């Protein structure tokens, strides 16, 4: 329990990166074969890699932790991993994927009575929905500005549509060789 609290990055002061407690938690849990501790350690290591802007490793660790929490049916930890994966998706511009992760996390936080996290998810989803609506309005305005009057092409002048190349016999023989 103490190692879990020490390894939890969310309890650290902002900007303080110390992976040793996460590593100790992970190693201890592996030795003791504590599945919950192992997956908590993976989640916390994911937080550290995320803070260090190594999103690929963080995604792998969060996904691995999420799989373990799913097998153990640990609602809150599953939701925390989904929140982080959603945040990464949002940061990378994949708003649909972000919304999916957040929507899956919300009922898990409800089951674990985490009202603050539910409010945070609702705020995230509301902000993204507003951003999407705003972008949609901008796109519609651009389409209106760029609309070209519909015209009709009656006929095409064949002389202008064909390109004729006149080659003399010497050039043809040179190309053929």
N, C-alpha and C. Protein backbone atom coordinates (compact mmCIF):
# COMPACT_ATOMS: atom_id res chain seq x y z
N UNK A 1 0.82 -1.19 0.00
CA UNK A 1 0.00 0.00 0.00
C UNK A 1 0.87 1.26 0.00
N UNK A 2 1.89 1.27 0.83
CA UNK A 2 2.78 2.45 0.90
C UNK A 2 3.53 2.64 -0.42
N UNK A 3 4.03 1.54 -0.98
CA UNK A 3 4.74 1.65 -2.26
C UNK A 3 3.81 2.15 -3.36
N UNK A 4 2.58 1.72 -3.32
CA UNK A 4 1.62 2.17 -4.33
C UNK A 4 1.41 3.68 -4.22
N UNK A 5 1.30 4.17 -3.02
CA UNK A 5 1.10 5.62 -2.84
C UNK A 5 2.36 6.39 -3.24
N UNK A 6 3.53 5.85 -2.94
CA UNK A 6 4.77 6.52 -3.33
C UNK A 6 4.98 6.48 -4.85
N UNK A 7 4.53 5.42 -5.48
CA UNK A 7 4.71 5.27 -6.92
C UNK A 7 3.70 6.04 -7.75
N UNK A 8 2.62 6.50 -7.13
CA UNK A 8 1.56 7.20 -7.84
C UNK A 8 2.01 8.62 -8.21
N UNK A 9 2.21 8.85 -9.49
CA UNK A 9 2.71 10.12 -9.99
C UNK A 9 1.75 11.27 -9.68
N UNK A 10 0.46 10.98 -9.62
CA UNK A 10 -0.51 12.05 -9.36
C UNK A 10 -0.35 12.65 -7.97
N UNK A 11 0.34 11.98 -7.08
CA UNK A 11 0.56 12.49 -5.73
C UNK A 11 1.83 13.35 -5.64
N UNK A 12 2.61 13.36 -6.68
CA UNK A 12 3.85 14.13 -6.66
C UNK A 12 3.58 15.58 -7.01
N UNK A 13 4.50 16.42 -6.61
CA UNK A 13 4.40 17.83 -6.98
C UNK A 13 4.67 17.97 -8.47
N UNK A 14 4.05 18.97 -9.07
CA UNK A 14 4.22 19.19 -10.51
C UNK A 14 5.69 19.37 -10.87
N UNK A 15 6.08 18.72 -11.95
CA UNK A 15 7.44 18.85 -12.44
C UNK A 15 8.44 17.93 -11.78
N UNK A 16 8.04 17.22 -10.74
CA UNK A 16 8.97 16.33 -10.04
C UNK A 16 8.87 14.94 -10.66
N UNK A 17 9.90 14.55 -11.39
CA UNK A 17 9.91 13.25 -12.06
C UNK A 17 10.85 12.31 -11.31
N UNK A 18 10.31 11.32 -10.72
CA UNK A 18 11.13 10.34 -10.01
C UNK A 18 10.54 8.96 -10.29
N UNK A 19 11.22 8.20 -11.10
CA UNK A 19 10.69 6.89 -11.48
C UNK A 19 11.10 5.78 -10.53
N UNK A 20 11.96 6.07 -9.59
CA UNK A 20 12.47 4.99 -8.74
C UNK A 20 11.37 4.33 -7.92
N UNK A 21 10.41 5.11 -7.40
CA UNK A 21 9.35 4.50 -6.60
C UNK A 21 8.45 3.62 -7.46
N UNK A 22 8.21 4.05 -8.68
CA UNK A 22 7.41 3.23 -9.60
C UNK A 22 8.14 1.92 -9.90
N UNK A 23 9.43 2.03 -10.09
CA UNK A 23 10.24 0.85 -10.38
C UNK A 23 10.26 -0.10 -9.18
N UNK A 24 10.42 0.46 -7.99
CA UNK A 24 10.42 -0.37 -6.78
C UNK A 24 9.06 -1.07 -6.62
N UNK A 25 7.98 -0.32 -6.85
CA UNK A 25 6.64 -0.92 -6.78
C UNK A 25 6.50 -2.06 -7.78
N UNK A 26 6.95 -1.83 -8.99
CA UNK A 26 6.83 -2.84 -10.04
C UNK A 26 7.66 -4.08 -9.71
N UNK A 27 8.90 -3.89 -9.29
CA UNK A 27 9.77 -5.02 -8.96
C UNK A 27 9.23 -5.79 -7.76
N UNK A 28 8.83 -5.06 -6.73
CA UNK A 28 8.27 -5.71 -5.54
C UNK A 28 7.03 -6.53 -5.90
N UNK A 29 6.16 -5.94 -6.69
CA UNK A 29 4.93 -6.63 -7.08
C UNK A 29 5.22 -7.86 -7.94
N UNK A 30 6.22 -7.75 -8.80
CA UNK A 30 6.60 -8.91 -9.61
C UNK A 30 7.13 -10.03 -8.74
N UNK A 31 7.96 -9.69 -7.77
CA UNK A 31 8.51 -10.72 -6.86
C UNK A 31 7.42 -11.37 -6.02
N UNK A 32 6.48 -10.55 -5.57
CA UNK A 32 5.40 -11.06 -4.72
C UNK A 32 4.24 -11.64 -5.54
N UNK A 33 4.33 -11.49 -6.85
CA UNK A 33 3.28 -11.94 -7.78
C UNK A 33 1.93 -11.31 -7.45
N UNK A 34 1.97 -10.00 -7.17
CA UNK A 34 0.75 -9.24 -6.89
C UNK A 34 0.28 -8.59 -8.18
N UNK A 35 -0.74 -9.14 -8.77
CA UNK A 35 -1.20 -8.65 -10.07
C UNK A 35 -1.63 -7.18 -10.02
N UNK A 36 -2.34 -6.80 -8.98
CA UNK A 36 -2.79 -5.41 -8.89
C UNK A 36 -1.59 -4.47 -8.82
N UNK A 37 -0.61 -4.79 -8.01
CA UNK A 37 0.58 -3.96 -7.88
C UNK A 37 1.37 -3.88 -9.18
N UNK A 38 1.45 -4.99 -9.89
CA UNK A 38 2.15 -5.01 -11.17
C UNK A 38 1.50 -4.03 -12.14
N UNK A 39 0.19 -4.10 -12.24
CA UNK A 39 -0.51 -3.25 -13.20
C UNK A 39 -0.55 -1.79 -12.75
N UNK A 40 -0.59 -1.57 -11.45
CA UNK A 40 -0.48 -0.19 -10.95
C UNK A 40 0.90 0.36 -11.31
N UNK A 41 1.94 -0.45 -11.12
CA UNK A 41 3.29 -0.03 -11.47
C UNK A 41 3.41 0.30 -12.95
N UNK A 42 2.79 -0.51 -13.80
CA UNK A 42 2.80 -0.24 -15.24
C UNK A 42 2.08 1.07 -15.55
N UNK A 43 0.96 1.28 -14.89
CA UNK A 43 0.21 2.53 -15.09
C UNK A 43 1.05 3.73 -14.66
N UNK A 44 1.68 3.64 -13.51
CA UNK A 44 2.48 4.76 -13.01
C UNK A 44 3.71 5.00 -13.89
N UNK A 45 4.29 3.92 -14.41
CA UNK A 45 5.41 4.10 -15.35
C UNK A 45 4.92 4.78 -16.63
N UNK A 46 3.71 4.45 -17.05
CA UNK A 46 3.11 5.13 -18.20
C UNK A 46 2.98 6.63 -17.95
N UNK A 47 2.60 6.99 -16.73
CA UNK A 47 2.51 8.41 -16.37
C UNK A 47 3.87 9.10 -16.50
N UNK A 48 4.91 8.41 -16.06
CA UNK A 48 6.25 9.00 -16.14
C UNK A 48 6.67 9.19 -17.59
N UNK A 49 6.46 8.17 -18.41
CA UNK A 49 6.82 8.30 -19.82
C UNK A 49 5.99 9.38 -20.51
N UNK A 50 4.75 9.52 -20.09
CA UNK A 50 3.90 10.58 -20.65
C UNK A 50 4.45 11.95 -20.27
N UNK A 51 4.89 12.10 -19.04
CA UNK A 51 5.48 13.37 -18.61
C UNK A 51 6.76 13.68 -19.37
N UNK A 52 7.45 12.64 -19.79
CA UNK A 52 8.70 12.82 -20.54
C UNK A 52 8.45 12.87 -22.05
N UNK A 53 7.18 12.98 -22.44
CA UNK A 53 6.76 13.09 -23.85
C UNK A 53 7.10 11.88 -24.70
N UNK A 54 7.19 10.72 -24.09
CA UNK A 54 7.36 9.47 -24.84
C UNK A 54 5.99 8.80 -24.92
N UNK A 55 5.18 9.31 -25.85
CA UNK A 55 3.79 8.86 -25.94
C UNK A 55 3.67 7.41 -26.37
N UNK A 56 4.55 6.95 -27.23
CA UNK A 56 4.46 5.58 -27.72
C UNK A 56 4.62 4.59 -26.57
N UNK A 57 5.63 4.81 -25.74
CA UNK A 57 5.84 3.93 -24.59
C UNK A 57 4.70 4.07 -23.59
N UNK A 58 4.25 5.30 -23.37
CA UNK A 58 3.15 5.53 -22.44
C UNK A 58 1.89 4.80 -22.90
N UNK A 59 1.59 4.88 -24.18
CA UNK A 59 0.40 4.19 -24.71
C UNK A 59 0.52 2.69 -24.49
N UNK A 60 1.71 2.15 -24.74
CA UNK A 60 1.91 0.71 -24.54
C UNK A 60 1.70 0.32 -23.08
N UNK A 61 2.25 1.11 -22.17
CA UNK A 61 2.12 0.80 -20.75
C UNK A 61 0.68 0.95 -20.27
N UNK A 62 0.00 2.02 -20.71
CA UNK A 62 -1.40 2.20 -20.31
C UNK A 62 -2.28 1.08 -20.87
N UNK A 63 -2.00 0.67 -22.08
CA UNK A 63 -2.79 -0.41 -22.70
C UNK A 63 -2.57 -1.72 -21.96
N UNK A 64 -1.33 -2.00 -21.62
CA UNK A 64 -1.01 -3.22 -20.88
C UNK A 64 -1.67 -3.20 -19.49
N UNK A 65 -1.57 -2.07 -18.82
CA UNK A 65 -2.20 -1.93 -17.51
C UNK A 65 -3.72 -2.06 -17.63
N UNK A 66 -4.29 -1.44 -18.66
CA UNK A 66 -5.74 -1.51 -18.88
C UNK A 66 -6.20 -2.96 -19.07
N UNK A 67 -5.43 -3.72 -19.81
CA UNK A 67 -5.79 -5.13 -20.01
C UNK A 67 -5.80 -5.89 -18.68
N UNK A 68 -4.80 -5.64 -17.86
CA UNK A 68 -4.75 -6.31 -16.56
C UNK A 68 -5.88 -5.88 -15.64
N UNK A 69 -6.14 -4.57 -15.60
CA UNK A 69 -7.24 -4.08 -14.76
C UNK A 69 -8.58 -4.61 -15.25
N UNK A 70 -8.71 -4.79 -16.55
CA UNK A 70 -9.95 -5.33 -17.10
C UNK A 70 -10.14 -6.78 -16.65
N UNK A 71 -9.06 -7.56 -16.70
CA UNK A 71 -9.15 -8.96 -16.25
C UNK A 71 -9.48 -9.05 -14.76
N UNK A 72 -8.97 -8.10 -13.98
CA UNK A 72 -9.23 -8.10 -12.54
C UNK A 72 -10.51 -7.34 -12.19
N UNK A 73 -11.10 -6.66 -13.16
CA UNK A 73 -12.32 -5.88 -12.98
C UNK A 73 -12.14 -4.76 -11.95
N UNK A 74 -11.06 -4.00 -12.12
CA UNK A 74 -10.77 -2.86 -11.25
C UNK A 74 -11.23 -1.60 -11.98
N UNK A 75 -12.44 -1.15 -11.64
CA UNK A 75 -13.09 -0.08 -12.40
C UNK A 75 -12.30 1.23 -12.43
N UNK A 76 -11.91 1.70 -11.27
CA UNK A 76 -11.27 3.02 -11.20
C UNK A 76 -9.96 3.04 -11.99
N UNK A 77 -9.14 2.03 -11.83
CA UNK A 77 -7.86 1.99 -12.54
C UNK A 77 -8.06 1.84 -14.05
N UNK A 78 -9.06 1.08 -14.45
CA UNK A 78 -9.38 0.97 -15.88
C UNK A 78 -9.73 2.35 -16.42
N UNK A 79 -10.58 3.05 -15.69
CA UNK A 79 -11.01 4.38 -16.12
C UNK A 79 -9.84 5.35 -16.19
N UNK A 80 -8.93 5.28 -15.23
CA UNK A 80 -7.77 6.17 -15.23
C UNK A 80 -6.91 5.94 -16.48
N UNK A 81 -6.71 4.68 -16.83
CA UNK A 81 -5.94 4.37 -18.05
C UNK A 81 -6.66 4.89 -19.29
N UNK A 82 -7.98 4.73 -19.32
CA UNK A 82 -8.76 5.21 -20.46
C UNK A 82 -8.70 6.73 -20.58
N UNK A 83 -8.73 7.41 -19.44
CA UNK A 83 -8.62 8.87 -19.45
C UNK A 83 -7.30 9.29 -20.08
N UNK A 84 -6.23 8.65 -19.65
CA UNK A 84 -4.91 9.02 -20.18
C UNK A 84 -4.81 8.71 -21.67
N UNK A 85 -5.32 7.57 -22.09
CA UNK A 85 -5.30 7.23 -23.51
C UNK A 85 -6.15 8.22 -24.31
N UNK A 86 -7.27 8.64 -23.74
CA UNK A 86 -8.10 9.65 -24.40
C UNK A 86 -7.40 10.99 -24.49
N UNK A 87 -6.70 11.37 -23.43
CA UNK A 87 -5.97 12.64 -23.44
C UNK A 87 -4.86 12.63 -24.50
N UNK A 88 -4.19 11.50 -24.63
CA UNK A 88 -3.15 11.38 -25.66
C UNK A 88 -3.78 11.50 -27.05
N UNK A 89 -4.92 10.85 -27.24
CA UNK A 89 -5.61 10.93 -28.53
C UNK A 89 -6.02 12.37 -28.83
N UNK A 90 -6.54 13.06 -27.83
CA UNK A 90 -6.93 14.46 -28.03
C UNK A 90 -5.72 15.31 -28.41
N UNK A 91 -4.63 15.10 -27.71
CA UNK A 91 -3.41 15.87 -27.99
C UNK A 91 -2.94 15.65 -29.43
N UNK A 92 -3.14 14.43 -29.93
CA UNK A 92 -2.72 14.11 -31.29
C UNK A 92 -3.78 14.42 -32.34
N UNK A 93 -4.87 15.06 -31.91
CA UNK A 93 -5.90 15.48 -32.86
C UNK A 93 -6.93 14.43 -33.21
N UNK A 94 -6.89 13.29 -32.55
CA UNK A 94 -7.86 12.22 -32.81
C UNK A 94 -9.01 12.36 -31.82
N UNK A 95 -9.89 13.32 -32.09
CA UNK A 95 -10.96 13.65 -31.16
C UNK A 95 -11.98 12.53 -31.02
N UNK A 96 -12.25 11.82 -32.10
CA UNK A 96 -13.22 10.73 -32.04
C UNK A 96 -12.73 9.63 -31.09
N UNK A 97 -11.48 9.27 -31.21
CA UNK A 97 -10.90 8.24 -30.33
C UNK A 97 -10.88 8.73 -28.88
N UNK A 98 -10.55 10.00 -28.69
CA UNK A 98 -10.54 10.57 -27.34
C UNK A 98 -11.93 10.48 -26.71
N UNK A 99 -12.94 10.87 -27.47
CA UNK A 99 -14.31 10.80 -26.96
C UNK A 99 -14.71 9.37 -26.62
N UNK A 100 -14.30 8.42 -27.44
CA UNK A 100 -14.62 7.02 -27.16
C UNK A 100 -14.00 6.55 -25.85
N UNK A 101 -12.73 6.88 -25.63
CA UNK A 101 -12.09 6.50 -24.38
C UNK A 101 -12.79 7.13 -23.18
N UNK A 102 -13.10 8.42 -23.30
CA UNK A 102 -13.73 9.12 -22.18
C UNK A 102 -15.14 8.59 -21.91
N UNK A 103 -15.87 8.27 -22.98
CA UNK A 103 -17.21 7.72 -22.80
C UNK A 103 -17.16 6.35 -22.12
N UNK A 104 -16.14 5.56 -22.42
CA UNK A 104 -16.00 4.25 -21.77
C UNK A 104 -15.56 4.41 -20.31
N UNK A 105 -14.79 5.46 -20.02
CA UNK A 105 -14.30 5.67 -18.66
C UNK A 105 -15.38 6.18 -17.72
N UNK A 106 -16.30 6.95 -18.24
CA UNK A 106 -17.31 7.60 -17.39
C UNK A 106 -18.10 6.61 -16.53
N UNK A 107 -18.70 5.55 -17.11
CA UNK A 107 -19.46 4.62 -16.26
C UNK A 107 -18.58 3.87 -15.25
N UNK A 108 -17.31 3.70 -15.59
CA UNK A 108 -16.41 3.04 -14.65
C UNK A 108 -16.16 3.93 -13.43
N UNK A 109 -16.03 5.23 -13.67
CA UNK A 109 -15.90 6.15 -12.54
C UNK A 109 -17.20 6.21 -11.75
N UNK A 110 -18.33 6.11 -12.44
CA UNK A 110 -19.62 6.10 -11.73
C UNK A 110 -19.70 4.89 -10.80
N UNK A 111 -19.27 3.73 -11.29
CA UNK A 111 -19.32 2.51 -10.47
C UNK A 111 -18.41 2.60 -9.26
N UNK A 112 -17.34 3.37 -9.39
CA UNK A 112 -16.41 3.50 -8.27
C UNK A 112 -16.62 4.80 -7.50
N UNK A 113 -17.75 5.46 -7.73
CA UNK A 113 -18.17 6.66 -6.99
C UNK A 113 -17.13 7.78 -7.02
N UNK A 114 -16.60 8.06 -8.19
CA UNK A 114 -15.59 9.11 -8.36
C UNK A 114 -16.23 10.32 -9.03
N UNK A 115 -16.95 11.11 -8.24
CA UNK A 115 -17.73 12.22 -8.80
C UNK A 115 -16.85 13.30 -9.42
N UNK A 116 -15.69 13.57 -8.84
CA UNK A 116 -14.80 14.59 -9.42
C UNK A 116 -14.32 14.18 -10.81
N UNK A 117 -13.99 12.91 -10.96
CA UNK A 117 -13.53 12.44 -12.26
C UNK A 117 -14.66 12.46 -13.28
N UNK A 118 -15.87 12.18 -12.84
CA UNK A 118 -17.03 12.23 -13.74
C UNK A 118 -17.22 13.65 -14.24
N UNK A 119 -17.12 14.62 -13.34
CA UNK A 119 -17.24 16.02 -13.74
C UNK A 119 -16.13 16.41 -14.72
N UNK A 120 -14.92 15.94 -14.45
CA UNK A 120 -13.79 16.25 -15.34
C UNK A 120 -14.02 15.66 -16.74
N UNK A 121 -14.55 14.45 -16.79
CA UNK A 121 -14.85 13.83 -18.09
C UNK A 121 -15.92 14.64 -18.82
N UNK A 122 -16.97 15.01 -18.10
CA UNK A 122 -18.04 15.78 -18.71
C UNK A 122 -17.51 17.10 -19.27
N UNK A 123 -16.61 17.75 -18.54
CA UNK A 123 -16.02 19.00 -19.01
C UNK A 123 -15.17 18.77 -20.26
N UNK A 124 -14.38 17.69 -20.25
CA UNK A 124 -13.55 17.38 -21.42
C UNK A 124 -14.43 17.15 -22.65
N UNK A 125 -15.46 16.33 -22.46
CA UNK A 125 -16.33 15.99 -23.59
C UNK A 125 -17.07 17.22 -24.09
N UNK A 126 -17.51 18.08 -23.19
CA UNK A 126 -18.20 19.30 -23.58
C UNK A 126 -17.28 20.21 -24.38
N UNK A 127 -16.05 20.36 -23.91
CA UNK A 127 -15.07 21.21 -24.60
C UNK A 127 -14.78 20.68 -26.00
N UNK A 128 -14.58 19.38 -26.11
CA UNK A 128 -14.28 18.79 -27.42
C UNK A 128 -15.49 18.94 -28.34
N UNK A 129 -16.69 18.73 -27.82
CA UNK A 129 -17.89 18.90 -28.65
C UNK A 129 -18.02 20.34 -29.13
N UNK A 130 -17.72 21.31 -28.26
CA UNK A 130 -17.76 22.72 -28.66
C UNK A 130 -16.71 23.00 -29.72
N UNK A 131 -15.51 22.45 -29.54
CA UNK A 131 -14.44 22.64 -30.52
C UNK A 131 -14.84 22.06 -31.88
N UNK A 132 -15.46 20.89 -31.85
CA UNK A 132 -15.89 20.26 -33.10
C UNK A 132 -16.97 21.10 -33.78
N UNK A 133 -17.93 21.60 -33.01
CA UNK A 133 -18.98 22.45 -33.58
C UNK A 133 -18.39 23.73 -34.17
N UNK A 134 -17.45 24.33 -33.45
CA UNK A 134 -16.81 25.55 -33.93
C UNK A 134 -16.06 25.30 -35.23
N UNK A 135 -15.32 24.21 -35.28
CA UNK A 135 -14.59 23.87 -36.50
C UNK A 135 -15.55 23.58 -37.65
N UNK A 136 -16.65 22.94 -37.34
CA UNK A 136 -17.66 22.64 -38.35
C UNK A 136 -18.22 23.95 -38.93
N UNK A 137 -18.50 24.91 -38.07
CA UNK A 137 -19.02 26.20 -38.53
C UNK A 137 -17.99 26.91 -39.42
N UNK A 138 -16.72 26.86 -39.03
CA UNK A 138 -15.67 27.47 -39.85
C UNK A 138 -15.58 26.79 -41.21
N UNK A 139 -15.67 25.47 -41.21
CA UNK A 139 -15.60 24.73 -42.47
C UNK A 139 -16.78 25.08 -43.38
N UNK A 140 -17.96 25.20 -42.79
CA UNK A 140 -19.13 25.59 -43.59
C UNK A 140 -18.96 26.98 -44.18
N UNK A 141 -18.43 27.90 -43.38
CA UNK A 141 -18.20 29.26 -43.87
C UNK A 141 -17.20 29.26 -45.02
N UNK A 142 -16.15 28.45 -44.90
CA UNK A 142 -15.17 28.36 -45.99
C UNK A 142 -15.79 27.78 -47.25
N UNK A 143 -16.64 26.80 -47.10
CA UNK A 143 -17.30 26.22 -48.26
C UNK A 143 -18.18 27.24 -48.97
N UNK A 144 -18.86 28.06 -48.19
CA UNK A 144 -19.70 29.09 -48.79
C UNK A 144 -18.84 30.10 -49.55
N UNK A 145 -17.72 30.48 -48.97
CA UNK A 145 -16.82 31.43 -49.63
C UNK A 145 -16.20 30.85 -50.89
N UNK A 146 -15.89 29.58 -50.86
CA UNK A 146 -15.21 28.95 -51.98
C UNK A 146 -16.16 28.42 -53.06
N UNK A 147 -17.43 28.51 -52.82
CA UNK A 147 -18.36 27.93 -53.79
C UNK A 147 -18.22 28.64 -55.13
N UNK A 148 -18.12 27.85 -56.16
CA UNK A 148 -17.98 28.35 -57.51
C UNK A 148 -19.34 28.25 -58.17
N UNK A 149 -19.74 29.31 -58.88
CA UNK A 149 -21.04 29.21 -59.55
C UNK A 149 -21.05 28.03 -60.51
N UNK A 150 -22.11 27.31 -60.46
CA UNK A 150 -22.22 26.14 -61.32
C UNK A 150 -22.36 26.60 -62.76
N UNK A 151 -21.53 26.09 -63.60
CA UNK A 151 -21.57 26.44 -65.01
C UNK A 151 -21.80 25.20 -65.83
N UNK A 152 -22.01 25.42 -67.09
CA UNK A 152 -22.29 24.30 -67.97
C UNK A 152 -21.35 24.40 -69.15
N UNK A 153 -20.71 23.31 -69.45
CA UNK A 153 -19.82 23.28 -70.60
C UNK A 153 -20.64 22.75 -71.77
N UNK A 154 -20.82 23.61 -72.79
CA UNK A 154 -21.64 23.21 -73.93
C UNK A 154 -20.88 22.33 -74.90
N UNK A 155 -19.71 22.76 -75.27
CA UNK A 155 -18.95 21.97 -76.22
C UNK A 155 -17.47 22.21 -76.02
N UNK A 156 -16.70 21.27 -76.46
CA UNK A 156 -15.26 21.38 -76.34
C UNK A 156 -14.70 21.51 -77.74
N UNK A 157 -13.87 22.49 -77.93
CA UNK A 157 -13.24 22.70 -79.23
C UNK A 157 -12.15 21.66 -79.39
N UNK A 158 -12.31 20.79 -80.36
CA UNK A 158 -11.37 19.70 -80.55
C UNK A 158 -9.98 20.18 -80.90
N UNK A 159 -9.87 21.28 -81.57
CA UNK A 159 -8.55 21.79 -81.95
C UNK A 159 -7.75 22.17 -80.71
N UNK A 160 -8.42 22.73 -79.71
CA UNK A 160 -7.73 23.14 -78.49
C UNK A 160 -7.46 21.97 -77.56
N UNK A 161 -8.21 20.90 -77.68
CA UNK A 161 -8.06 19.80 -76.73
C UNK A 161 -7.00 18.79 -77.14
N UNK A 162 -6.55 18.86 -78.37
CA UNK A 162 -5.53 17.91 -78.81
C UNK A 162 -4.19 18.62 -78.94
N UNK A 163 -3.16 17.91 -78.59
CA UNK A 163 -1.81 18.43 -78.76
C UNK A 163 -1.16 17.63 -79.87
N UNK A 164 -0.75 18.34 -80.87
CA UNK A 164 -0.13 17.66 -81.99
C UNK A 164 1.37 17.87 -81.93
N UNK A 165 2.06 16.79 -82.09
CA UNK A 165 3.51 16.86 -82.15
C UNK A 165 3.95 16.49 -83.55
N UNK A 166 4.70 17.34 -84.11
CA UNK A 166 5.21 17.04 -85.43
C UNK A 166 6.70 16.75 -85.31
N UNK A 167 7.04 15.55 -85.64
CA UNK A 167 8.44 15.14 -85.58
C UNK A 167 8.91 14.84 -87.00
N UNK A 168 10.08 15.25 -87.28
CA UNK A 168 10.59 14.87 -88.59
C UNK A 168 11.16 13.46 -88.52
N UNK A 169 11.41 12.89 -89.64
CA UNK A 169 11.82 11.49 -89.71
C UNK A 169 13.13 11.23 -88.98
N UNK A 170 14.03 12.17 -88.97
CA UNK A 170 15.33 11.99 -88.30
C UNK A 170 15.13 11.88 -86.79
N UNK A 171 14.23 12.67 -86.23
CA UNK A 171 13.97 12.61 -84.79
C UNK A 171 13.32 11.28 -84.41
N UNK A 172 12.42 10.78 -85.24
CA UNK A 172 11.75 9.52 -84.96
C UNK A 172 12.78 8.39 -84.95
N UNK A 173 13.68 8.37 -85.91
CA UNK A 173 14.69 7.32 -85.96
C UNK A 173 15.63 7.41 -84.77
N UNK A 174 15.98 8.63 -84.34
CA UNK A 174 16.87 8.80 -83.19
C UNK A 174 16.21 8.26 -81.92
N UNK A 175 14.93 8.50 -81.75
CA UNK A 175 14.20 8.04 -80.57
C UNK A 175 14.06 6.52 -80.59
N UNK A 176 13.86 5.95 -81.73
CA UNK A 176 13.66 4.51 -81.85
C UNK A 176 14.93 3.72 -81.56
N UNK A 177 16.09 4.32 -81.77
CA UNK A 177 17.35 3.61 -81.57
C UNK A 177 17.71 3.54 -80.16
